[in-house]
N, C-alpha and C. Protein backbone atom coordinates (compact mmCIF):
# COMPACT_ATOMS: atom_id res chain seq x y z
N MET A 1 26.99 -0.16 -1.10
CA MET A 1 27.24 -0.24 0.32
C MET A 1 28.74 -0.23 0.56
N VAL A 2 29.11 0.33 1.65
CA VAL A 2 30.52 0.40 2.04
C VAL A 2 30.69 -0.34 3.34
N TYR A 3 31.69 -1.19 3.39
CA TYR A 3 31.98 -1.93 4.61
C TYR A 3 33.29 -1.45 5.20
N GLU A 4 33.34 -1.31 6.49
CA GLU A 4 34.57 -0.96 7.19
C GLU A 4 34.75 -1.90 8.36
N PRO A 5 35.93 -2.40 8.58
CA PRO A 5 37.13 -2.22 7.79
C PRO A 5 37.05 -3.01 6.48
N ASP A 6 37.99 -2.73 5.57
CA ASP A 6 38.02 -3.41 4.28
C ASP A 6 38.31 -4.90 4.42
N LEU A 7 39.07 -5.28 5.42
CA LEU A 7 39.47 -6.66 5.64
C LEU A 7 39.18 -7.06 7.08
N VAL A 8 38.54 -8.21 7.23
CA VAL A 8 38.26 -8.74 8.56
C VAL A 8 38.79 -10.16 8.60
N GLN A 9 39.66 -10.46 9.55
CA GLN A 9 40.18 -11.81 9.69
C GLN A 9 39.34 -12.55 10.72
N ILE A 10 38.72 -13.65 10.28
CA ILE A 10 37.85 -14.43 11.16
C ILE A 10 38.27 -15.89 11.09
N THR A 11 37.82 -16.66 12.05
CA THR A 11 38.06 -18.10 12.06
C THR A 11 36.71 -18.80 12.15
N PRO A 12 36.66 -20.08 11.76
CA PRO A 12 35.39 -20.81 11.85
C PRO A 12 34.80 -20.69 13.25
N GLY A 13 33.51 -20.38 13.30
CA GLY A 13 32.82 -20.21 14.57
C GLY A 13 32.67 -18.76 14.99
N ASP A 14 33.47 -17.85 14.40
CA ASP A 14 33.34 -16.42 14.70
C ASP A 14 32.02 -15.90 14.14
N THR A 15 31.52 -14.83 14.71
CA THR A 15 30.32 -14.18 14.23
C THR A 15 30.68 -12.79 13.73
N VAL A 16 30.20 -12.46 12.53
CA VAL A 16 30.40 -11.13 11.95
C VAL A 16 29.03 -10.52 11.76
N LYS A 17 28.82 -9.32 12.27
CA LYS A 17 27.53 -8.66 12.17
C LYS A 17 27.68 -7.39 11.35
N PHE A 18 26.93 -7.30 10.24
CA PHE A 18 26.94 -6.12 9.40
C PHE A 18 25.77 -5.25 9.81
N ILE A 19 26.04 -4.01 10.15
CA ILE A 19 25.01 -3.09 10.62
C ILE A 19 24.82 -2.00 9.57
N ALA A 20 23.60 -1.87 9.06
CA ALA A 20 23.30 -0.85 8.05
C ALA A 20 23.35 0.54 8.68
N VAL A 21 24.07 1.45 8.02
CA VAL A 21 24.13 2.83 8.51
C VAL A 21 23.47 3.78 7.52
N THR A 22 23.07 3.27 6.35
CA THR A 22 22.31 4.05 5.39
C THR A 22 21.03 3.29 5.09
N SER A 23 20.07 3.95 4.50
CA SER A 23 18.74 3.36 4.34
C SER A 23 18.57 2.49 3.10
N GLY A 24 19.53 2.40 2.21
CA GLY A 24 19.27 1.62 1.01
C GLY A 24 20.51 1.17 0.28
N HIS A 25 20.26 0.42 -0.79
CA HIS A 25 21.32 -0.04 -1.68
C HIS A 25 20.70 -0.29 -3.04
N ASN A 26 21.55 -0.60 -4.00
CA ASN A 26 21.05 -0.87 -5.34
C ASN A 26 21.30 -2.34 -5.70
N ALA A 27 20.60 -2.83 -6.71
CA ALA A 27 20.78 -4.19 -7.19
C ALA A 27 20.69 -4.17 -8.71
N ALA A 28 21.44 -5.05 -9.36
CA ALA A 28 21.42 -5.11 -10.81
C ALA A 28 21.75 -6.52 -11.26
N ILE A 29 21.26 -6.91 -12.43
CA ILE A 29 21.62 -8.18 -13.05
C ILE A 29 22.70 -7.88 -14.08
N ILE A 30 23.80 -8.58 -13.99
CA ILE A 30 24.90 -8.44 -14.94
C ILE A 30 24.76 -9.56 -15.96
N ASP A 31 24.82 -9.21 -17.27
CA ASP A 31 24.69 -10.21 -18.32
C ASP A 31 25.62 -11.40 -18.05
N GLY A 32 25.07 -12.59 -18.11
CA GLY A 32 25.86 -13.80 -17.91
C GLY A 32 25.94 -14.25 -16.46
N MET A 33 25.48 -13.43 -15.51
CA MET A 33 25.59 -13.78 -14.11
C MET A 33 24.33 -14.46 -13.57
N ALA A 34 23.21 -14.30 -14.25
CA ALA A 34 21.95 -14.88 -13.78
C ALA A 34 21.54 -16.00 -14.72
N GLY A 35 20.63 -16.84 -14.25
CA GLY A 35 20.14 -17.92 -15.08
C GLY A 35 19.39 -17.40 -16.29
N VAL A 36 19.18 -18.26 -17.25
CA VAL A 36 18.49 -17.88 -18.48
C VAL A 36 17.04 -18.28 -18.36
N PRO A 37 16.04 -17.52 -18.70
CA PRO A 37 16.15 -16.11 -19.10
C PRO A 37 16.16 -15.19 -17.87
N ALA A 38 17.05 -14.23 -17.88
CA ALA A 38 17.14 -13.26 -16.79
C ALA A 38 16.14 -12.13 -17.02
N GLN A 39 15.52 -11.67 -15.97
CA GLN A 39 14.58 -10.56 -16.05
C GLN A 39 15.27 -9.32 -15.51
N ALA A 40 15.12 -8.19 -16.16
CA ALA A 40 15.70 -6.93 -15.71
C ALA A 40 15.00 -6.46 -14.45
N ILE A 41 15.77 -5.87 -13.55
CA ILE A 41 15.22 -5.28 -12.33
C ILE A 41 14.92 -3.82 -12.61
N GLU A 42 13.72 -3.41 -12.35
CA GLU A 42 13.36 -2.01 -12.62
C GLU A 42 12.97 -1.31 -11.35
């Protein structure tokens, strides 16, 4: 996914809304980032 702008300056209480402009994204488990035992996403 790509977000624009790259940087958004907000303060507590501000609302940021991300609007999807494409239909999908990918997900992956990176070794060491998930609890043990991690299951592969297929």
